[in-house]
Amino acid sequence: FEPSTPAVCVVQQPAPRAGYTGSAPRWKPDCEALDCEHCCKHFGTFVRRHHCRACGGIFCSGCTATRRRIPFSGEIARVCPSCDLALASAEAGAKQPPNAPGPPPMSEPNYAQPPAYNPNFRPT
């Protein structure tokens, strides 16, 4: 019986975290993260590492508490706060029809004409 050797993490070049890109991410190896990438909480016995399923970054459980549907996999999974915002805005944009009119344009004020008299106006 030979004792097992501890796992060695060999990282040649850490990939920069690009956030949500729309395709399946390369998960960051656990040994590359000593702290949560969002709140900087130190990982240890009671603070565990969790991968964001959208960007592959490593976060604490509090920062990956939100679950969203991941477009490239279709599953509902943990996401970090920045991917949560990106996916929420993508979902909001997808719900609006492509030819839907936006808000009406703001009209320019007419400075040539004085404002209408309002007998109920009271300055504050």
N, C-alpha and C. Protein backbone atom coordinates (compact mmCIF):
# COMPACT_ATOMS: atom_id res chain seq x y z
N PHE A 1 0.85 -1.18 0.00
CA PHE A 1 0.00 0.00 0.00
C PHE A 1 0.88 1.23 0.00
N GLU A 2 0.68 2.10 -0.99
CA GLU A 2 1.44 3.34 -1.05
C GLU A 2 0.53 4.50 -0.69
N PRO A 3 1.01 5.41 0.16
CA PRO A 3 0.17 6.56 0.50
C PRO A 3 -0.05 7.42 -0.74
N SER A 4 -1.24 7.93 -0.83
CA SER A 4 -1.54 8.76 -1.99
C SER A 4 -0.83 10.10 -1.85
N THR A 5 -0.36 10.58 -2.95
CA THR A 5 0.31 11.89 -2.93
C THR A 5 -0.74 12.97 -3.12
N PRO A 6 -0.52 14.11 -2.50
CA PRO A 6 -1.50 15.18 -2.66
C PRO A 6 -1.55 15.66 -4.11
N ALA A 7 -2.69 16.09 -4.51
CA ALA A 7 -2.85 16.59 -5.88
C ALA A 7 -2.02 17.85 -6.04
N VAL A 8 -1.32 17.92 -7.14
CA VAL A 8 -0.48 19.08 -7.42
C VAL A 8 -1.13 19.86 -8.54
N CYS A 9 -1.24 21.13 -8.32
CA CYS A 9 -1.85 21.98 -9.33
C CYS A 9 -0.74 22.63 -10.15
N VAL A 10 -0.68 22.33 -11.41
CA VAL A 10 0.31 22.95 -12.28
C VAL A 10 -0.43 23.87 -13.23
N VAL A 11 -0.15 25.14 -13.08
CA VAL A 11 -0.82 26.14 -13.90
C VAL A 11 0.25 26.87 -14.69
N GLN A 12 0.19 26.78 -16.00
CA GLN A 12 1.20 27.46 -16.80
C GLN A 12 0.87 28.93 -16.98
N GLN A 13 -0.33 29.23 -17.38
CA GLN A 13 -0.77 30.62 -17.51
C GLN A 13 -2.21 30.71 -17.06
N PRO A 14 -2.48 31.40 -15.96
CA PRO A 14 -3.87 31.52 -15.54
C PRO A 14 -4.65 32.34 -16.56
N ALA A 15 -5.81 31.84 -16.90
CA ALA A 15 -6.65 32.56 -17.86
C ALA A 15 -7.31 33.73 -17.17
N PRO A 16 -7.33 34.89 -17.82
CA PRO A 16 -8.01 36.03 -17.20
C PRO A 16 -9.51 35.78 -17.17
N ARG A 17 -10.18 36.25 -16.13
CA ARG A 17 -11.62 36.08 -16.03
C ARG A 17 -12.29 37.09 -16.93
N ALA A 18 -12.97 36.61 -17.90
CA ALA A 18 -13.63 37.49 -18.86
C ALA A 18 -15.09 37.71 -18.53
N GLY A 19 -15.61 37.02 -17.50
CA GLY A 19 -17.03 37.13 -17.23
C GLY A 19 -17.81 36.27 -18.20
N TYR A 20 -19.10 36.50 -18.27
CA TYR A 20 -19.97 35.70 -19.13
C TYR A 20 -19.69 35.99 -20.60
N THR A 21 -19.38 34.97 -21.37
CA THR A 21 -19.06 35.15 -22.78
C THR A 21 -20.11 34.55 -23.71
N GLY A 22 -21.05 33.79 -23.16
CA GLY A 22 -22.06 33.18 -24.00
C GLY A 22 -21.74 31.75 -24.40
N SER A 23 -20.53 31.28 -24.09
CA SER A 23 -20.17 29.90 -24.40
C SER A 23 -19.65 29.24 -23.12
N ALA A 24 -19.51 27.93 -23.17
CA ALA A 24 -19.07 27.19 -21.99
C ALA A 24 -17.68 27.66 -21.56
N PRO A 25 -17.52 28.00 -20.28
CA PRO A 25 -16.24 28.53 -19.83
C PRO A 25 -15.23 27.44 -19.47
N ARG A 26 -13.98 27.82 -19.39
CA ARG A 26 -12.95 26.97 -18.81
C ARG A 26 -13.00 27.25 -17.32
N TRP A 27 -13.25 26.20 -16.53
CA TRP A 27 -13.32 26.40 -15.08
C TRP A 27 -11.94 26.68 -14.52
N LYS A 28 -11.85 27.66 -13.66
CA LYS A 28 -10.60 27.99 -12.99
C LYS A 28 -10.28 26.87 -12.01
N PRO A 29 -9.03 26.37 -11.99
CA PRO A 29 -8.69 25.32 -11.02
C PRO A 29 -8.83 25.82 -9.59
N ASP A 30 -9.28 24.95 -8.69
CA ASP A 30 -9.48 25.33 -7.29
C ASP A 30 -8.22 25.91 -6.66
N CYS A 31 -7.06 25.37 -6.99
CA CYS A 31 -5.83 25.81 -6.35
C CYS A 31 -5.41 27.22 -6.78
N GLU A 32 -6.06 27.78 -7.79
CA GLU A 32 -5.75 29.15 -8.21
C GLU A 32 -6.49 30.18 -7.38
N ALA A 33 -7.45 29.77 -6.59
CA ALA A 33 -8.26 30.72 -5.84
C ALA A 33 -8.12 30.51 -4.34
N LEU A 34 -7.54 31.50 -3.67
CA LEU A 34 -7.47 31.46 -2.21
C LEU A 34 -8.61 32.24 -1.59
N ASP A 35 -9.18 33.17 -2.38
CA ASP A 35 -10.25 34.04 -1.90
C ASP A 35 -11.36 34.11 -2.93
N CYS A 36 -12.57 34.47 -2.48
CA CYS A 36 -13.71 34.67 -3.37
C CYS A 36 -13.39 35.82 -4.32
N GLU A 37 -13.67 35.63 -5.59
CA GLU A 37 -13.37 36.65 -6.60
C GLU A 37 -14.28 37.87 -6.49
N HIS A 38 -15.36 37.77 -5.72
CA HIS A 38 -16.28 38.91 -5.60
C HIS A 38 -16.11 39.63 -4.26
N CYS A 39 -16.22 38.91 -3.16
CA CYS A 39 -16.19 39.55 -1.84
C CYS A 39 -14.86 39.39 -1.12
N CYS A 40 -13.93 38.64 -1.71
CA CYS A 40 -12.58 38.42 -1.17
C CYS A 40 -12.57 37.64 0.14
N LYS A 41 -13.66 36.91 0.45
CA LYS A 41 -13.68 36.05 1.64
C LYS A 41 -12.66 34.93 1.42
N HIS A 42 -11.85 34.65 2.43
CA HIS A 42 -10.81 33.62 2.32
C HIS A 42 -11.44 32.22 2.41
N PHE A 43 -11.06 31.35 1.47
CA PHE A 43 -11.56 29.98 1.48
C PHE A 43 -10.85 29.17 2.56
N GLY A 44 -11.59 28.29 3.18
CA GLY A 44 -11.02 27.44 4.22
C GLY A 44 -11.97 26.32 4.54
N THR A 45 -11.91 25.83 5.75
CA THR A 45 -12.74 24.70 6.18
C THR A 45 -14.23 25.02 6.11
N PHE A 46 -14.60 26.24 6.51
CA PHE A 46 -16.02 26.59 6.57
C PHE A 46 -16.49 27.47 5.42
N VAL A 47 -15.58 27.98 4.63
CA VAL A 47 -15.93 28.78 3.44
C VAL A 47 -15.45 28.00 2.23
N ARG A 48 -16.41 27.41 1.52
CA ARG A 48 -16.06 26.52 0.41
C ARG A 48 -16.08 27.22 -0.92
N ARG A 49 -15.39 26.66 -1.89
CA ARG A 49 -15.31 27.20 -3.24
C ARG A 49 -16.48 26.70 -4.07
N HIS A 50 -17.03 27.59 -4.89
CA HIS A 50 -18.09 27.22 -5.84
C HIS A 50 -17.79 27.88 -7.17
N HIS A 51 -17.91 27.13 -8.24
CA HIS A 51 -17.67 27.69 -9.57
C HIS A 51 -18.94 28.32 -10.11
N CYS A 52 -18.79 29.50 -10.69
CA CYS A 52 -19.89 30.10 -11.44
C CYS A 52 -20.02 29.30 -12.72
N ARG A 53 -21.21 28.82 -13.03
CA ARG A 53 -21.39 27.97 -14.21
C ARG A 53 -21.37 28.78 -15.51
N ALA A 54 -21.46 30.10 -15.41
CA ALA A 54 -21.47 30.92 -16.62
C ALA A 54 -20.08 31.39 -17.02
N CYS A 55 -19.21 31.73 -16.03
CA CYS A 55 -17.88 32.25 -16.37
C CYS A 55 -16.74 31.35 -15.92
N GLY A 56 -17.00 30.40 -15.00
CA GLY A 56 -15.96 29.50 -14.54
C GLY A 56 -15.15 30.02 -13.37
N GLY A 57 -15.44 31.23 -12.89
CA GLY A 57 -14.72 31.80 -11.75
C GLY A 57 -15.08 31.09 -10.46
N ILE A 58 -14.30 31.35 -9.41
CA ILE A 58 -14.51 30.69 -8.12
C ILE A 58 -14.97 31.72 -7.10
N PHE A 59 -16.08 31.39 -6.43
CA PHE A 59 -16.72 32.31 -5.49
C PHE A 59 -17.17 31.55 -4.26
N CYS A 60 -17.50 32.30 -3.19
CA CYS A 60 -18.04 31.66 -1.99
C CYS A 60 -19.53 31.36 -2.22
N SER A 61 -20.14 30.63 -1.30
CA SER A 61 -21.54 30.24 -1.48
C SER A 61 -22.47 31.46 -1.47
N GLY A 62 -22.14 32.48 -0.68
CA GLY A 62 -22.99 33.68 -0.65
C GLY A 62 -23.00 34.42 -1.97
N CYS A 63 -21.85 34.43 -2.65
CA CYS A 63 -21.76 35.15 -3.93
C CYS A 63 -22.26 34.31 -5.11
N THR A 64 -22.55 33.04 -4.89
CA THR A 64 -23.14 32.22 -5.96
C THR A 64 -24.50 31.69 -5.54
N ALA A 65 -25.17 32.44 -4.68
CA ALA A 65 -26.48 32.00 -4.19
C ALA A 65 -27.55 32.12 -5.27
N THR A 66 -27.35 32.99 -6.25
CA THR A 66 -28.33 33.18 -7.32
C THR A 66 -28.22 32.05 -8.33
N ARG A 67 -29.37 31.58 -8.79
CA ARG A 67 -29.40 30.55 -9.83
C ARG A 67 -30.08 31.16 -11.06
N ARG A 68 -29.52 30.92 -12.22
CA ARG A 68 -30.09 31.38 -13.49
C ARG A 68 -29.97 30.26 -14.52
N ARG A 69 -30.81 30.35 -15.54
CA ARG A 69 -30.71 29.40 -16.65
C ARG A 69 -29.49 29.79 -17.49
N ILE A 70 -28.60 28.83 -17.70
CA ILE A 70 -27.39 29.07 -18.48
C ILE A 70 -27.72 28.77 -19.94
N PRO A 71 -27.65 29.76 -20.84
CA PRO A 71 -28.08 29.55 -22.23
C PRO A 71 -27.36 28.43 -22.97
N PHE A 72 -26.05 28.27 -22.78
CA PHE A 72 -25.33 27.26 -23.56
C PHE A 72 -25.56 25.84 -23.06
N SER A 73 -26.07 25.68 -21.82
CA SER A 73 -26.33 24.32 -21.32
C SER A 73 -27.81 24.07 -21.09
N GLY A 74 -28.59 25.13 -20.88
CA GLY A 74 -30.01 24.99 -20.62
C GLY A 74 -30.36 24.68 -19.18
N GLU A 75 -29.35 24.42 -18.32
CA GLU A 75 -29.63 24.10 -16.93
C GLU A 75 -29.71 25.36 -16.08
N ILE A 76 -30.39 25.24 -14.96
CA ILE A 76 -30.43 26.32 -13.98
C ILE A 76 -29.33 26.02 -12.98
N ALA A 77 -28.38 26.96 -12.82
CA ALA A 77 -27.21 26.69 -12.00
C ALA A 77 -26.70 27.95 -11.32
N ARG A 78 -25.71 27.77 -10.44
CA ARG A 78 -25.08 28.87 -9.70
C ARG A 78 -24.43 29.86 -10.65
N VAL A 79 -24.62 31.15 -10.37
CA VAL A 79 -23.91 32.18 -11.13
C VAL A 79 -23.39 33.24 -10.16
N CYS A 80 -22.31 33.89 -10.54
CA CYS A 80 -21.73 34.97 -9.74
C CYS A 80 -22.53 36.25 -9.98
N PRO A 81 -22.32 37.28 -9.17
CA PRO A 81 -23.09 38.52 -9.33
C PRO A 81 -22.95 39.18 -10.71
N SER A 82 -21.74 39.20 -11.29
CA SER A 82 -21.60 39.86 -12.59
C SER A 82 -22.29 39.06 -13.70
N CYS A 83 -22.21 37.75 -13.65
CA CYS A 83 -22.91 36.93 -14.65
C CYS A 83 -24.42 37.00 -14.44
N ASP A 84 -24.85 37.13 -13.19
CA ASP A 84 -26.28 37.30 -12.90
C ASP A 84 -26.81 38.54 -13.60
N LEU A 85 -26.07 39.64 -13.50
CA LEU A 85 -26.50 40.88 -14.18
C LEU A 85 -26.51 40.71 -15.70
N ALA A 86 -25.45 40.09 -16.23
CA ALA A 86 -25.36 39.89 -17.68
C ALA A 86 -26.49 39.01 -18.19
N LEU A 87 -26.78 37.92 -17.47
CA LEU A 87 -27.84 37.01 -17.90
C LEU A 87 -29.22 37.64 -17.74
N ALA A 88 -29.39 38.45 -16.68
CA ALA A 88 -30.68 39.12 -16.47
C ALA A 88 -30.94 40.12 -17.58
N SER A 89 -29.93 40.88 -17.98
CA SER A 89 -30.14 41.85 -19.05
C SER A 89 -30.35 41.15 -20.39
N ALA A 90 -29.68 40.01 -20.58
CA ALA A 90 -29.90 39.23 -21.81
C ALA A 90 -31.32 38.68 -21.85
N GLU A 91 -31.82 38.22 -20.70
CA GLU A 91 -33.20 37.71 -20.64
C GLU A 91 -34.20 38.84 -20.88
N ALA A 92 -33.94 40.01 -20.31
CA ALA A 92 -34.86 41.14 -20.50
C ALA A 92 -34.88 41.57 -21.95
N GLY A 93 -33.72 41.56 -22.61
CA GLY A 93 -33.67 41.92 -24.02
C GLY A 93 -34.36 40.89 -24.90
N ALA A 94 -34.29 39.62 -24.49
CA ALA A 94 -34.93 38.56 -25.27
C ALA A 94 -36.44 38.60 -25.15
N LYS A 95 -36.96 39.14 -24.04
CA LYS A 95 -38.41 39.18 -23.85
C LYS A 95 -39.07 40.28 -24.70
N GLN A 96 -38.30 41.30 -25.08
CA GLN A 96 -38.86 42.38 -25.88
C GLN A 96 -38.78 42.00 -27.35
N PRO A 97 -39.90 42.09 -28.11
CA PRO A 97 -39.85 41.75 -29.53
C PRO A 97 -38.85 42.66 -30.25
N PRO A 98 -38.21 42.13 -31.30
CA PRO A 98 -37.16 42.91 -31.96
C PRO A 98 -37.66 44.24 -32.55
N ASN A 99 -38.89 44.31 -33.02
CA ASN A 99 -39.41 45.54 -33.63
C ASN A 99 -40.28 46.34 -32.68
N ALA A 100 -40.20 46.04 -31.39
CA ALA A 100 -41.04 46.75 -30.43
C ALA A 100 -40.57 48.19 -30.32
N PRO A 101 -41.52 49.11 -30.31
CA PRO A 101 -41.10 50.50 -30.19
C PRO A 101 -40.56 50.78 -28.80
N GLY A 102 -39.56 51.63 -28.74
CA GLY A 102 -39.00 52.02 -27.46
C GLY A 102 -39.84 53.13 -26.85
N PRO A 103 -39.35 53.76 -25.82
CA PRO A 103 -40.10 54.87 -25.23
C PRO A 103 -40.16 56.04 -26.21
N PRO A 104 -41.20 56.84 -26.14
CA PRO A 104 -41.29 57.96 -27.07
C PRO A 104 -40.15 58.94 -26.82
N PRO A 105 -39.68 59.61 -27.87
CA PRO A 105 -38.59 60.56 -27.67
C PRO A 105 -39.06 61.74 -26.82
N MET A 106 -38.14 62.27 -26.04
CA MET A 106 -38.48 63.41 -25.20
C MET A 106 -38.58 64.65 -26.09
N SER A 107 -39.60 65.45 -25.84
CA SER A 107 -39.74 66.67 -26.63
C SER A 107 -38.84 67.75 -26.05
N GLU A 108 -38.36 68.60 -26.91
CA GLU A 108 -37.51 69.71 -26.49
C GLU A 108 -38.40 70.77 -25.85
N PRO A 109 -37.93 71.41 -24.79
CA PRO A 109 -38.73 72.47 -24.18
C PRO A 109 -38.82 73.67 -25.12
N ASN A 110 -39.96 74.32 -25.09
CA ASN A 110 -40.17 75.51 -25.92
C ASN A 110 -39.90 76.74 -25.06
N TYR A 111 -38.70 77.28 -25.21
CA TYR A 111 -38.32 78.42 -24.39
C TYR A 111 -38.93 79.73 -24.89
N ALA A 112 -39.44 79.74 -26.12
CA ALA A 112 -40.02 80.96 -26.68
C ALA A 112 -41.37 81.27 -26.03
N GLN A 113 -42.04 80.27 -25.52
CA GLN A 113 -43.36 80.46 -24.92
C GLN A 113 -43.25 80.28 -23.41
N PRO A 114 -43.74 81.20 -22.60
CA PRO A 114 -43.65 81.04 -21.14
C PRO A 114 -44.53 79.88 -20.68
N PRO A 115 -44.21 79.32 -19.53
CA PRO A 115 -45.03 78.21 -19.03
C PRO A 115 -46.44 78.70 -18.69
N ALA A 116 -47.38 77.77 -18.78
CA ALA A 116 -48.78 78.13 -18.50
C ALA A 116 -48.92 78.51 -17.03
N TYR A 117 -49.83 79.44 -16.77
CA TYR A 117 -50.08 79.89 -15.41
C TYR A 117 -50.81 78.80 -14.64
N ASN A 118 -50.35 78.52 -13.42
CA ASN A 118 -50.97 77.51 -12.58
C ASN A 118 -51.33 78.18 -11.26
N PRO A 119 -52.62 78.42 -11.01
CA PRO A 119 -53.01 79.11 -9.77
C PRO A 119 -52.72 78.29 -8.51
N ASN A 120 -52.53 76.96 -8.63
CA ASN A 120 -52.26 76.12 -7.46
C ASN A 120 -50.78 75.96 -7.14
N PHE A 121 -49.93 76.57 -7.94
CA PHE A 121 -48.49 76.44 -7.74
C PHE A 121 -48.05 77.15 -6.46
N ARG A 122 -47.31 76.44 -5.62
CA ARG A 122 -46.75 77.02 -4.40
C ARG A 122 -45.26 76.73 -4.38
N PRO A 123 -44.43 77.74 -4.39
CA PRO A 123 -42.98 77.47 -4.35
C PRO A 123 -42.58 76.81 -3.04
N THR A 124 -41.59 75.95 -3.10
CA THR A 124 -41.15 75.26 -1.87
C THR A 124 -39.89 75.88 -1.30
